[in-house]
């Protein structure tokens, strides 16, 4: 019994250390959110999410969560290394796209593995008595967020980026819908929505505001990171709880 308690305390200390290190690197990156691309900036950004993946592995979390966080870290590395390069942007986009697909599968399996539930069937949380806010949020995502984002973005992006952006927007909305309709843990749902908000601000900053965005360039990079890391952290902690 004493050995079991000692092992538990050791594991708890290890997990707390991993999470603290992740938070520390995220704060270090936050101070450089508006800085030029560099290897050191890439390392701190990617490490923040990579350590969440390590935390999931340490706590024997679902492999889907571990891999999704690892892909997020890879996407972070691509975007932080050279955020102005179209090829690096596309590599980052693909990394996050794959992460979202894993999250969709994770959320559906967490909610009982019911595709019918995800599609808004009778046992969907969207249809529950206290799920009205979930339904309103889902309607806003499908009826307002996605159409407006694409309507504003597509005329501003190069032709070869339009299809990837349409696909990515569709997948991230599906991720939110999967969380809203199948996952009871509010941390996970809010985390998914924060992730989407971060991506929305990032897209506006990159394609609509641009380097001449004035005061928007002051707050947008910080908002993108706080929402993104906070979202990933809430998803991870919500699933691992």
C-alpha atoms as a PDB file:
ATOM      1  CA  UNK A   1       0.000   0.000   0.000  1.00  0.00           C
ATOM      2  CA  UNK A   2       2.824   2.390   0.911  1.00  0.00           C
ATOM      3  CA  UNK A   3       4.563   1.604  -2.385  1.00  0.00           C
ATOM      4  CA  UNK A   4       1.340   2.346  -4.282  1.00  0.00           C
ATOM      5  CA  UNK A   5       0.970   5.700  -2.524  1.00  0.00           C
ATOM      6  CA  UNK A   6       4.583   6.573  -3.252  1.00  0.00           C
ATOM      7  CA  UNK A   7       4.196   5.691  -6.929  1.00  0.00           C
ATOM      8  CA  UNK A   8       1.010   7.770  -7.135  1.00  0.00           C
ATOM      9  CA  UNK A   9       2.714  10.785  -5.569  1.00  0.00           C
ATOM     10  CA  UNK A  10       5.674  10.431  -7.928  1.00  0.00           C
ATOM     11  CA  UNK A  11       3.362  10.253 -10.938  1.00  0.00           C
ATOM     12  CA  UNK A  12       1.360  13.241  -9.698  1.00  0.00           C
ATOM     13  CA  UNK A  13       4.552  15.268  -9.240  1.00  0.00           C
ATOM     14  CA  UNK A  14       5.734  14.288 -12.723  1.00  0.00           C
ATOM     15  CA  UNK A  15       2.418  15.294 -14.314  1.00  0.00           C
ATOM     16  CA  UNK A  16       2.385  18.599 -12.448  1.00  0.00           C
ATOM     17  CA  UNK A  17       5.941  19.269 -13.597  1.00  0.00           C
ATOM     18  CA  UNK A  18       5.076  18.582 -17.237  1.00  0.00           C
ATOM     19  CA  UNK A  19       2.059  20.887 -17.058  1.00  0.00           C
ATOM     20  CA  UNK A  20       4.052  23.623 -15.308  1.00  0.00           C
ATOM     21  CA  UNK A  21       6.799  23.404 -17.937  1.00  0.00           C
ATOM     22  CA  UNK A  22       4.178  23.619 -20.689  1.00  0.00           C
ATOM     23  CA  UNK A  23       2.656  26.724 -19.093  1.00  0.00           C
ATOM     24  CA  UNK A  24       6.094  28.288 -18.663  1.00  0.00           C
ATOM     25  CA  UNK A  25       7.055  27.799 -22.306  1.00  0.00           C
ATOM     26  CA  UNK A  26       3.669  29.125 -23.414  1.00  0.00           C
ATOM     27  CA  UNK A  27       4.246  32.310 -21.406  1.00  0.00           C
ATOM     28  CA  UNK A  28       7.741  32.671 -22.855  1.00  0.00           C
ATOM     29  CA  UNK A  29       6.286  32.373 -26.342  1.00  0.00           C
ATOM     30  CA  UNK A  30       3.582  34.907 -25.493  1.00  0.00           C
ATOM     31  CA  UNK A  31       6.271  37.534 -24.906  1.00  0.00           C
ATOM     32  CA  UNK A  32       7.506  36.933 -28.475  1.00  0.00           C
ATOM     33  CA  UNK A  33       4.100  36.654 -30.159  1.00  0.00           C
ATOM     34  CA  UNK A  34       4.794  39.725 -32.313  1.00  0.00           C
ATOM     35  CA  UNK A  35       8.475  38.974 -32.916  1.00  0.00           C
ATOM     36  CA  UNK A  36       9.996  37.884 -36.219  1.00  0.00           C
ATOM     37  CA  UNK A  37      10.203  34.183 -37.007  1.00  0.00           C
ATOM     38  CA  UNK A  38      13.176  32.409 -35.426  1.00  0.00           C
ATOM     39  CA  UNK A  39      14.295  28.961 -34.327  1.00  0.00           C
ATOM     40  CA  UNK A  40      14.080  29.860 -30.617  1.00  0.00           C
ATOM     41  CA  UNK A  41      10.559  31.210 -31.091  1.00  0.00           C
ATOM     42  CA  UNK A  42       9.599  28.023 -32.932  1.00  0.00           C
ATOM     43  CA  UNK A  43      11.000  25.845 -30.131  1.00  0.00           C
ATOM     44  CA  UNK A  44       9.109  27.604 -27.338  1.00  0.00           C
ATOM     45  CA  UNK A  45       5.850  27.600 -29.300  1.00  0.00           C
ATOM     46  CA  UNK A  46       6.024  23.964 -30.373  1.00  0.00           C
ATOM     47  CA  UNK A  47       7.227  22.823 -26.933  1.00  0.00           C
ATOM     48  CA  UNK A  48       4.155  24.256 -25.215  1.00  0.00           C
ATOM     49  CA  UNK A  49       1.763  21.961 -27.069  1.00  0.00           C
ATOM     50  CA  UNK A  50       4.223  19.069 -27.335  1.00  0.00           C
ATOM     51  CA  UNK A  51       4.388  18.977 -23.542  1.00  0.00           C
ATOM     52  CA  UNK A  52       0.590  18.688 -23.396  1.00  0.00           C
ATOM     53  CA  UNK A  53       0.971  15.650 -25.650  1.00  0.00           C
ATOM     54  CA  UNK A  54       3.619  14.278 -23.265  1.00  0.00           C
ATOM     55  CA  UNK A  55       1.211  14.905 -20.368  1.00  0.00           C
ATOM     56  CA  UNK A  56      -1.465  12.876 -22.144  1.00  0.00           C
ATOM     57  CA  UNK A  57       1.044  10.074 -22.687  1.00  0.00           C
ATOM     58  CA  UNK A  58       2.182  10.221 -19.054  1.00  0.00           C
ATOM     59  CA  UNK A  59      -1.404   9.981 -17.797  1.00  0.00           C
ATOM     60  CA  UNK A  60      -2.238   7.124 -20.201  1.00  0.00           C
ATOM     61  CA  UNK A  61      -4.697   9.371 -21.997  1.00  0.00           C
ATOM     62  CA  UNK A  62      -6.462   8.397 -25.217  1.00  0.00           C
ATOM     63  CA  UNK A  63      -4.023   7.931 -28.093  1.00  0.00           C
ATOM     64  CA  UNK A  64      -6.247  10.169 -30.227  1.00  0.00           C
ATOM     65  CA  UNK A  65      -5.638  13.037 -27.796  1.00  0.00           C
ATOM     66  CA  UNK A  66      -1.892  12.392 -27.654  1.00  0.00           C
ATOM     67  CA  UNK A  67      -1.572  12.329 -31.448  1.00  0.00           C
ATOM     68  CA  UNK A  68      -3.842  15.357 -31.949  1.00  0.00           C
ATOM     69  CA  UNK A  69      -1.728  17.431 -29.567  1.00  0.00           C
ATOM     70  CA  UNK A  70       1.463  16.209 -31.247  1.00  0.00           C
ATOM     71  CA  UNK A  71       0.099  17.271 -34.637  1.00  0.00           C
ATOM     72  CA  UNK A  72      -0.815  20.634 -33.132  1.00  0.00           C
ATOM     73  CA  UNK A  73       2.777  21.006 -31.970  1.00  0.00           C
ATOM     74  CA  UNK A  74       3.988  20.203 -35.485  1.00  0.00           C
ATOM     75  CA  UNK A  75       1.632  22.827 -36.906  1.00  0.00           C
ATOM     76  CA  UNK A  76       2.941  25.325 -34.361  1.00  0.00           C
ATOM     77  CA  UNK A  77       6.492  24.632 -35.509  1.00  0.00           C
ATOM     78  CA  UNK A  78       5.657  25.246 -39.170  1.00  0.00           C
ATOM     79  CA  UNK A  79       3.833  28.518 -38.484  1.00  0.00           C
ATOM     80  CA  UNK A  80       6.405  29.846 -36.015  1.00  0.00           C
ATOM     81  CA  UNK A  81       9.393  28.997 -38.209  1.00  0.00           C
ATOM     82  CA  UNK A  82       8.196  31.056 -41.171  1.00  0.00           C
ATOM     83  CA  UNK A  83       4.635  32.383 -40.954  1.00  0.00           C
ATOM     84  CA  UNK A  84       4.968  34.317 -44.225  1.00  0.00           C
ATOM     85  CA  UNK A  85       5.908  31.313 -46.370  1.00  0.00           C
ATOM     86  CA  UNK A  86       2.984  29.792 -48.273  1.00  0.00           C
ATOM     87  CA  UNK A  87       4.534  26.309 -48.166  1.00  0.00           C
ATOM     88  CA  UNK A  88       5.057  26.427 -44.388  1.00  0.00           C
ATOM     89  CA  UNK A  89       1.552  27.822 -43.951  1.00  0.00           C
ATOM     90  CA  UNK A  90       0.110  24.902 -45.940  1.00  0.00           C
ATOM     91  CA  UNK A  91       2.154  22.393 -43.928  1.00  0.00           C
ATOM     92  CA  UNK A  92       0.819  23.951 -40.739  1.00  0.00           C
ATOM     93  CA  UNK A  93      -2.709  23.905 -42.142  1.00  0.00           C
ATOM     94  CA  UNK A  94      -2.459  20.193 -42.962  1.00  0.00           C
ATOM     95  CA  UNK A  95      -1.051  19.412 -39.502  1.00  0.00           C
ATOM     96  CA  UNK A  96      -3.941  21.166 -37.775  1.00  0.00           C
ATOM     97  CA  UNK A  97      -6.449  19.653 -40.203  1.00  0.00           C
ATOM     98  CA  UNK A  98      -5.302  16.158 -39.228  1.00  0.00           C
ATOM     99  CA  UNK A  99      -5.429  17.159 -35.547  1.00  0.00           C
ATOM    100  CA  UNK A 100      -9.034  18.318 -35.951  1.00  0.00           C
ATOM    101  CA  UNK A 101      -9.982  15.025 -37.610  1.00  0.00           C
ATOM    102  CA  UNK A 102      -8.517  13.142 -34.645  1.00  0.00           C
ATOM    103  CA  UNK A 103     -10.407  15.427 -32.261  1.00  0.00           C
ATOM    104  CA  UNK A 104     -13.661  14.701 -34.104  1.00  0.00           C
ATOM    105  CA  UNK A 105     -13.096  10.964 -33.666  1.00  0.00           C
ATOM    106  CA  UNK A 106     -12.070  11.493 -30.036  1.00  0.00           C
ATOM    107  CA  UNK A 107     -15.130  13.582 -29.189  1.00  0.00           C
ATOM    108  CA  UNK A 108     -17.533  11.149 -30.844  1.00  0.00           C
ATOM    109  CA  UNK A 109     -15.931   8.175 -29.074  1.00  0.00           C
ATOM    110  CA  UNK A 110     -15.948  10.096 -25.767  1.00  0.00           C
ATOM    111  CA  UNK A 111     -19.660  10.685 -26.246  1.00  0.00           C
ATOM    112  CA  UNK A 112     -20.388   6.992 -26.716  1.00  0.00           C
ATOM    113  CA  UNK A 113     -19.253   6.544 -30.298  1.00  0.00           C
ATOM    114  CA  UNK A 114     -22.612   7.508 -31.759  1.00  0.00           C
ATOM    115  CA  UNK A 115     -22.486   9.127 -35.190  1.00  0.00           C
ATOM    116  CA  UNK A 116     -26.253   9.652 -34.874  1.00  0.00           C
ATOM    117  CA  UNK A 117     -25.582  11.691 -31.753  1.00  0.00           C
ATOM    118  CA  UNK A 118     -23.052  13.779 -33.678  1.00  0.00           C
ATOM    119  CA  UNK A 119     -25.579  14.359 -36.475  1.00  0.00           C
ATOM    120  CA  UNK A 120     -28.151  15.728 -34.019  1.00  0.00           C
ATOM    121  CA  UNK A 121     -30.144  12.575 -33.379  1.00  0.00           C
ATOM    122  CA  UNK A 122     -32.479  12.027 -30.462  1.00  0.00           C
ATOM    123  CA  UNK A 123     -29.712  11.413 -27.913  1.00  0.00           C
ATOM    124  CA  UNK A 124     -27.646  14.372 -29.068  1.00  0.00           C
ATOM    125  CA  UNK A 125     -26.739  16.907 -26.398  1.00  0.00           C
ATOM    126  CA  UNK A 126     -28.032  19.521 -28.833  1.00  0.00           C
ATOM    127  CA  UNK A 127     -31.494  18.130 -28.156  1.00  0.00           C
ATOM    128  CA  UNK A 128     -31.181  17.857 -24.382  1.00  0.00           C
ATOM    129  CA  UNK A 129     -33.214  20.011 -22.013  1.00  0.00           C
ATOM    130  CA  UNK A 130     -30.188  22.060 -20.957  1.00  0.00           C
ATOM    131  CA  UNK A 131     -28.577  21.979 -24.398  1.00  0.00           C
ATOM    132  CA  UNK A 132     -30.250  25.041 -25.883  1.00  0.00           C
ATOM    133  CA  UNK A 133     -27.020  27.047 -25.708  1.00  0.00           C
ATOM    134  CA  UNK A 134     -25.297  24.214 -27.557  1.00  0.00           C
ATOM    135  CA  UNK A 135     -27.886  24.367 -30.324  1.00  0.00           C
ATOM    136  CA  UNK A 136     -27.617  28.157 -30.608  1.00  0.00           C
ATOM    137  CA  UNK A 137     -23.824  27.908 -30.769  1.00  0.00           C
ATOM    138  CA  UNK A 138     -24.013  25.223 -33.454  1.00  0.00           C
ATOM    139  CA  UNK A 139     -26.400  27.335 -35.525  1.00  0.00           C
ATOM    140  CA  UNK A 140     -24.081  30.347 -35.197  1.00  0.00           C
ATOM    141  CA  UNK A 141     -21.102  28.286 -36.340  1.00  0.00           C
ATOM    142  CA  UNK A 142     -22.814  26.777 -39.367  1.00  0.00           C
ATOM    143  CA  UNK A 143     -25.042  29.691 -40.318  1.00  0.00           C
ATOM    144  CA  UNK A 144     -22.826  32.661 -39.517  1.00  0.00           C
ATOM    145  CA  UNK A 145     -19.183  31.984 -38.623  1.00  0.00           C
ATOM    146  CA  UNK A 146     -18.235  29.647 -41.477  1.00  0.00           C
ATOM    147  CA  UNK A 147     -20.112  31.477 -44.287  1.00  0.00           C
ATOM    148  CA  UNK A 148     -18.914  34.937 -43.224  1.00  0.00           C
ATOM    149  CA  UNK A 149     -15.311  33.795 -42.803  1.00  0.00           C
ATOM    150  CA  UNK A 150     -15.245  32.209 -46.244  1.00  0.00           C
ATOM    151  CA  UNK A 151     -17.070  35.146 -47.846  1.00  0.00           C
ATOM    152  CA  UNK A 152     -14.498  37.564 -46.435  1.00  0.00           C
ATOM    153  CA  UNK A 153     -11.396  35.415 -46.849  1.00  0.00           C
ATOM    154  CA  UNK A 154     -11.690  33.746 -50.240  1.00  0.00           C
ATOM    155  CA  UNK A 155     -11.491  36.942 -52.355  1.00  0.00           C
ATOM    156  CA  UNK A 156      -8.310  37.893 -50.463  1.00  0.00           C
ATOM    157  CA  UNK A 157      -6.337  34.648 -50.773  1.00  0.00           C
ATOM    158  CA  UNK A 158      -4.455  33.173 -53.699  1.00  0.00           C
ATOM    159  CA  UNK A 159      -6.315  30.697 -55.853  1.00  0.00           C
ATOM    160  CA  UNK A 160      -4.275  27.673 -54.748  1.00  0.00           C
ATOM    161  CA  UNK A 161      -5.084  28.394 -51.089  1.00  0.00           C
ATOM    162  CA  UNK A 162      -8.839  28.671 -51.500  1.00  0.00           C
ATOM    163  CA  UNK A 163      -9.668  24.962 -51.575  1.00  0.00           C
ATOM    164  CA  UNK A 164      -7.492  24.140 -48.519  1.00  0.00           C
ATOM    165  CA  UNK A 165      -9.096  26.990 -46.572  1.00  0.00           C
ATOM    166  CA  UNK A 166     -12.618  25.815 -47.455  1.00  0.00           C
ATOM    167  CA  UNK A 167     -11.770  22.256 -46.396  1.00  0.00           C
ATOM    168  CA  UNK A 168     -10.077  23.421 -43.196  1.00  0.00           C
ATOM    169  CA  UNK A 169     -12.985  25.683 -42.224  1.00  0.00           C
ATOM    170  CA  UNK A 170     -15.451  22.846 -42.798  1.00  0.00           C
ATOM    171  CA  UNK A 171     -13.429  20.427 -40.681  1.00  0.00           C
ATOM    172  CA  UNK A 172     -12.924  22.787 -37.746  1.00  0.00           C
ATOM    173  CA  UNK A 173     -16.663  23.552 -37.665  1.00  0.00           C
ATOM    174  CA  UNK A 174     -17.310  19.792 -37.663  1.00  0.00           C
ATOM    175  CA  UNK A 175     -14.920  19.493 -34.709  1.00  0.00           C
ATOM    176  CA  UNK A 176     -16.945  22.088 -32.802  1.00  0.00           C
ATOM    177  CA  UNK A 177     -20.191  20.343 -33.683  1.00  0.00           C
ATOM    178  CA  UNK A 178     -18.763  17.028 -32.481  1.00  0.00           C
ATOM    179  CA  UNK A 179     -17.866  18.627 -29.143  1.00  0.00           C
ATOM    180  CA  UNK A 180     -21.204  20.409 -28.809  1.00  0.00           C
ATOM    181  CA  UNK A 181     -23.338  17.378 -29.668  1.00  0.00           C
ATOM    182  CA  UNK A 182     -21.471  14.528 -27.970  1.00  0.00           C
ATOM    183  CA  UNK A 183     -19.180  15.768 -25.169  1.00  0.00           C
ATOM    184  CA  UNK A 184     -20.643  16.512 -21.750  1.00  0.00           C
ATOM    185  CA  UNK A 185     -17.472  18.027 -20.258  1.00  0.00           C
ATOM    186  CA  UNK A 186     -17.781  21.802 -20.580  1.00  0.00           C
ATOM    187  CA  UNK A 187     -13.991  22.234 -20.515  1.00  0.00           C
ATOM    188  CA  UNK A 188     -13.652  20.275 -23.741  1.00  0.00           C
ATOM    189  CA  UNK A 189     -16.467  22.168 -25.460  1.00  0.00           C
ATOM    190  CA  UNK A 190     -15.121  25.589 -24.482  1.00  0.00           C
ATOM    191  CA  UNK A 191     -11.619  24.487 -25.468  1.00  0.00           C
ATOM    192  CA  UNK A 192     -12.777  23.495 -28.947  1.00  0.00           C
ATOM    193  CA  UNK A 193     -14.573  26.823 -29.392  1.00  0.00           C
ATOM    194  CA  UNK A 194     -11.490  28.734 -28.203  1.00  0.00           C
ATOM    195  CA  UNK A 195      -9.396  26.851 -30.760  1.00  0.00           C
ATOM    196  CA  UNK A 196     -11.808  27.941 -33.499  1.00  0.00           C
ATOM    197  CA  UNK A 197     -11.820  31.549 -32.290  1.00  0.00           C
ATOM    198  CA  UNK A 198      -8.020  31.533 -32.393  1.00  0.00           C
ATOM    199  CA  UNK A 199      -8.018  30.252 -35.969  1.00  0.00           C
ATOM    200  CA  UNK A 200     -10.583  32.861 -36.968  1.00  0.00           C
ATOM    201  CA  UNK A 201      -8.495  35.726 -35.587  1.00  0.00           C
ATOM    202  CA  UNK A 202      -5.349  34.267 -37.168  1.00  0.00           C
ATOM    203  CA  UNK A 203      -7.040  34.127 -40.575  1.00  0.00           C
ATOM    204  CA  UNK A 204      -8.316  37.693 -40.272  1.00  0.00           C
ATOM    205  CA  UNK A 205      -4.879  38.888 -39.183  1.00  0.00           C
ATOM    206  CA  UNK A 206      -3.039  37.091 -41.988  1.00  0.00           C
ATOM    207  CA  UNK A 207      -5.375  37.698 -44.915  1.00  0.00           C
ATOM    208  CA  UNK A 208      -7.530  40.729 -44.079  1.00  0.00           C
ATOM    209  CA  UNK A 209      -5.560  42.960 -41.697  1.00  0.00           C
ATOM    210  CA  UNK A 210      -2.016  42.281 -42.901  1.00  0.00           C
ATOM    211  CA  UNK A 211       1.206  43.929 -41.705  1.00  0.00           C
ATOM    212  CA  UNK A 212      -0.330  47.403 -42.046  1.00  0.00           C
ATOM    213  CA  UNK A 213      -3.115  46.611 -39.606  1.00  0.00           C
ATOM    214  CA  UNK A 214      -2.125  49.295 -37.128  1.00  0.00           C
ATOM    215  CA  UNK A 215      -3.594  48.775 -33.675  1.00  0.00           C
ATOM    216  CA  UNK A 216      -4.951  45.350 -34.661  1.00  0.00           C
ATOM    217  CA  UNK A 217      -1.392  44.097 -35.020  1.00  0.00           C
ATOM    218  CA  UNK A 218      -0.872  44.971 -31.361  1.00  0.00           C
ATOM    219  CA  UNK A 219      -3.483  42.652 -29.856  1.00  0.00           C
ATOM    220  CA  UNK A 220      -4.251  40.000 -32.477  1.00  0.00           C
ATOM    221  CA  UNK A 221      -1.058  37.896 -32.155  1.00  0.00           C
ATOM    222  CA  UNK A 222      -1.506  37.753 -28.377  1.00  0.00           C
ATOM    223  CA  UNK A 223      -5.204  36.857 -28.664  1.00  0.00           C
ATOM    224  CA  UNK A 224      -4.420  34.099 -31.163  1.00  0.00           C
ATOM    225  CA  UNK A 225      -1.928  32.461 -28.825  1.00  0.00           C
ATOM    226  CA  UNK A 226      -3.937  32.821 -25.596  1.00  0.00           C
ATOM    227  CA  UNK A 227      -7.052  31.355 -27.218  1.00  0.00           C
ATOM    228  CA  UNK A 228      -5.129  28.604 -28.991  1.00  0.00           C
ATOM    229  CA  UNK A 229      -3.017  27.410 -26.078  1.00  0.00           C
ATOM    230  CA  UNK A 230      -5.912  27.861 -23.665  1.00  0.00           C
ATOM    231  CA  UNK A 231      -8.151  25.848 -25.984  1.00  0.00           C
ATOM    232  CA  UNK A 232      -5.653  23.015 -26.384  1.00  0.00           C
ATOM    233  CA  UNK A 233      -5.061  22.983 -22.639  1.00  0.00           C
ATOM    234  CA  UNK A 234      -8.769  22.863 -21.806  1.00  0.00           C
ATOM    235  CA  UNK A 235      -9.357  20.034 -24.275  1.00  0.00           C
ATOM    236  CA  UNK A 236      -6.427  18.079 -22.839  1.00  0.00           C
ATOM    237  CA  UNK A 237      -7.331  18.617 -19.180  1.00  0.00           C
ATOM    238  CA  UNK A 238     -11.021  18.018 -19.837  1.00  0.00           C
ATOM    239  CA  UNK A 239     -10.394  14.683 -21.549  1.00  0.00           C
ATOM    240  CA  UNK A 240      -7.766  13.588 -19.013  1.00  0.00           C
ATOM    241  CA  UNK A 241      -9.833  14.565 -15.952  1.00  0.00           C
END
